[in-house]
């Protein structure tokens, strides 16, 4: 008689799958169910409003609403600069890939399977991304305005 071995990993995985399916179906049925009473909808909205107000006031109360907007502007500038660096790096990589295809095309000669767009596409895309990245990094720093004094009114 053939005796089947008990595989604990398979048993645990099957049990986990069954529990996941049961929980998913149960909560899907609850989500599809409409609110039976109006007070349930009002309670849900009230708790969402209290949570939102609590999160907003906690950050705005510490330094004031104007300071919170200032921090948001600083984060936007930081994102702009970091995204510019990322675009420059990806653009350099894309242009490098186009150059590598160009080198391979020249090396293999007539037997090469590389099409012209596989050379020109990455080169143009890399140049566009690189130029966008440089523009994002250098935007706002015009002649005579340093990055630290940008946006401040003159005395």
Protein backbone atom coordinates (compact mmCIF):
# COMPACT_ATOMS: atom_id res chain seq x y z
CA UNK A 1 0.00 0.00 0.00
CA UNK A 2 1.33 3.45 -0.96
CA UNK A 3 1.64 5.88 1.94
CA UNK A 4 1.55 9.57 1.11
CA UNK A 5 3.94 11.80 3.05
CA UNK A 6 2.57 14.82 4.88
CA UNK A 7 4.05 17.96 3.39
CA UNK A 8 3.76 20.72 5.99
CA UNK A 9 4.65 23.54 3.59
CA UNK A 10 1.96 22.51 1.11
CA UNK A 11 -0.60 22.03 3.88
CA UNK A 12 0.17 25.46 5.36
CA UNK A 13 -0.01 27.09 1.91
CA UNK A 14 -3.37 25.42 1.18
CA UNK A 15 -4.73 26.47 4.56
CA UNK A 16 -3.54 30.04 4.00
CA UNK A 17 -5.18 30.10 0.56
CA UNK A 18 -8.48 28.84 1.95
CA UNK A 19 -8.48 31.41 4.76
CA UNK A 20 -7.62 34.19 2.31
CA UNK A 21 -10.44 33.18 -0.05
CA UNK A 22 -12.93 32.98 2.83
CA UNK A 23 -11.97 36.41 4.20
CA UNK A 24 -11.98 37.97 0.74
CA UNK A 25 -15.44 36.62 -0.09
CA UNK A 26 -16.86 37.64 3.27
CA UNK A 27 -15.60 41.22 3.03
CA UNK A 28 -16.58 41.48 -0.64
CA UNK A 29 -20.15 40.61 0.32
CA UNK A 30 -20.05 43.21 3.08
CA UNK A 31 -18.70 45.84 0.72
CA UNK A 32 -21.37 45.10 -1.86
CA UNK A 33 -24.11 45.36 0.74
CA UNK A 34 -25.78 48.76 0.83
CA UNK A 35 -26.09 50.70 4.05
CA UNK A 36 -29.25 49.42 5.72
CA UNK A 37 -29.77 52.44 7.95
CA UNK A 38 -29.06 56.11 7.44
CA UNK A 39 -27.34 56.40 10.84
CA UNK A 40 -24.63 53.96 9.63
CA UNK A 41 -23.73 56.25 6.73
CA UNK A 42 -23.70 59.28 9.03
CA UNK A 43 -21.48 57.47 11.55
CA UNK A 44 -19.04 56.50 8.79
CA UNK A 45 -18.85 60.09 7.51
CA UNK A 46 -18.44 61.51 11.01
CA UNK A 47 -15.56 59.17 11.87
CA UNK A 48 -13.86 59.94 8.55
CA UNK A 49 -14.22 63.68 9.19
CA UNK A 50 -12.84 63.37 12.74
CA UNK A 51 -9.86 61.37 11.45
CA UNK A 52 -9.12 63.87 8.67
CA UNK A 53 -9.46 66.88 10.97
CA UNK A 54 -7.29 65.23 13.61
CA UNK A 55 -4.52 64.53 11.11
CA UNK A 56 -4.71 68.00 9.56
CA UNK A 57 -4.87 69.98 12.79
CA UNK A 58 -2.03 68.03 14.34
CA UNK A 59 0.36 69.12 11.58
CA UNK A 60 -1.09 72.62 11.19
CA UNK A 61 -1.27 73.37 14.91
CA UNK A 62 2.44 72.93 15.53
CA UNK A 63 3.75 75.75 13.31
CA UNK A 64 0.67 77.29 11.78
CA UNK A 65 -1.03 76.91 8.46
CA UNK A 66 1.35 79.25 6.62
CA UNK A 67 4.36 77.26 7.79
CA UNK A 68 2.69 74.05 6.65
CA UNK A 69 2.29 75.58 3.16
CA UNK A 70 5.95 76.66 3.33
CA UNK A 71 7.02 73.10 4.12
CA UNK A 72 4.92 71.86 1.21
CA UNK A 73 6.66 74.33 -1.12
CA UNK A 74 10.08 73.22 0.16
CA UNK A 75 9.18 69.59 -0.47
CA UNK A 76 8.01 70.49 -3.98
CA UNK A 77 11.36 72.16 -4.70
CA UNK A 78 13.20 69.12 -3.34
CA UNK A 79 11.11 66.78 -5.50
CA UNK A 80 11.78 68.97 -8.54
CA UNK A 81 15.53 68.87 -7.98
CA UNK A 82 15.66 65.13 -7.28
CA UNK A 83 13.41 64.35 -10.25
CA UNK A 84 15.69 66.49 -12.42
CA UNK A 85 18.71 64.47 -11.32
CA UNK A 86 16.83 61.22 -11.99
CA UNK A 87 15.78 62.40 -15.47
CA UNK A 88 19.37 63.38 -16.22
CA UNK A 89 20.65 59.97 -15.15
CA UNK A 90 18.01 58.05 -17.12
CA UNK A 91 18.59 60.31 -20.14
CA UNK A 92 22.34 59.68 -19.99
CA UNK A 93 21.66 55.94 -19.80
CA UNK A 94 19.25 56.06 -22.75
CA UNK A 95 21.67 58.02 -24.89
CA UNK A 96 24.41 55.61 -23.89
CA UNK A 97 22.26 52.67 -24.96
CA UNK A 98 21.67 54.32 -28.34
CA UNK A 99 25.40 54.88 -28.69
CA UNK A 100 26.07 51.23 -27.77
CA UNK A 101 23.63 50.11 -30.50
CA UNK A 102 25.39 52.42 -32.94
CA UNK A 103 28.74 50.87 -32.01
CA UNK A 104 27.32 47.34 -32.43
CA UNK A 105 25.85 48.27 -35.83
CA UNK A 106 29.25 49.52 -36.98
CA UNK A 107 31.02 46.45 -35.63
CA UNK A 108 28.66 43.88 -37.20
CA UNK A 109 28.36 45.70 -40.53
CA UNK A 110 25.86 44.41 -43.08
CA UNK A 111 24.92 41.35 -41.00
CA UNK A 112 23.57 43.50 -38.16
CA UNK A 113 19.90 43.12 -37.16
CA UNK A 114 19.85 46.54 -35.47
CA UNK A 115 17.37 48.94 -37.07
CA UNK A 116 17.95 52.68 -37.37
CA UNK A 117 15.25 53.50 -34.80
CA UNK A 118 17.07 51.33 -32.24
CA UNK A 119 19.91 53.81 -32.51
CA UNK A 120 18.07 57.09 -33.06
CA UNK A 121 15.20 56.39 -30.60
CA UNK A 122 17.30 55.95 -27.45
CA UNK A 123 19.59 58.82 -28.49
CA UNK A 124 16.70 61.26 -28.96
CA UNK A 125 14.84 60.00 -25.89
CA UNK A 126 17.97 60.24 -23.78
CA UNK A 127 18.68 63.74 -25.01
CA UNK A 128 15.10 64.83 -24.27
CA UNK A 129 15.16 63.34 -20.77
CA UNK A 130 18.60 64.77 -20.07
CA UNK A 131 17.54 68.24 -21.22
CA UNK A 132 14.38 68.03 -19.12
CA UNK A 133 16.45 67.00 -16.10
CA UNK A 134 18.90 69.88 -16.54
CA UNK A 135 15.98 72.29 -16.97
CA UNK A 136 14.35 71.02 -13.77
CA UNK A 137 17.58 71.37 -11.79
CA UNK A 138 18.45 74.81 -13.16
CA UNK A 139 14.89 76.25 -13.29
CA UNK A 140 14.58 79.35 -11.20
CA UNK A 141 18.27 80.01 -10.88
CA UNK A 142 18.59 82.81 -13.40
CA UNK A 143 21.45 85.25 -13.82
CA UNK A 144 22.06 87.08 -10.57
CA UNK A 145 19.59 85.07 -8.46
CA UNK A 146 21.05 82.38 -6.25
CA UNK A 147 18.98 79.36 -5.27
CA UNK A 148 18.90 80.39 -1.61
CA UNK A 149 17.34 83.81 -2.30
CA UNK A 150 14.85 82.72 -4.93
CA UNK A 151 11.30 83.82 -4.15
CA UNK A 152 12.31 86.43 -1.56
CA UNK A 153 11.40 90.05 -2.03
CA UNK A 154 14.28 92.54 -2.30
CA UNK A 155 14.78 94.96 0.59
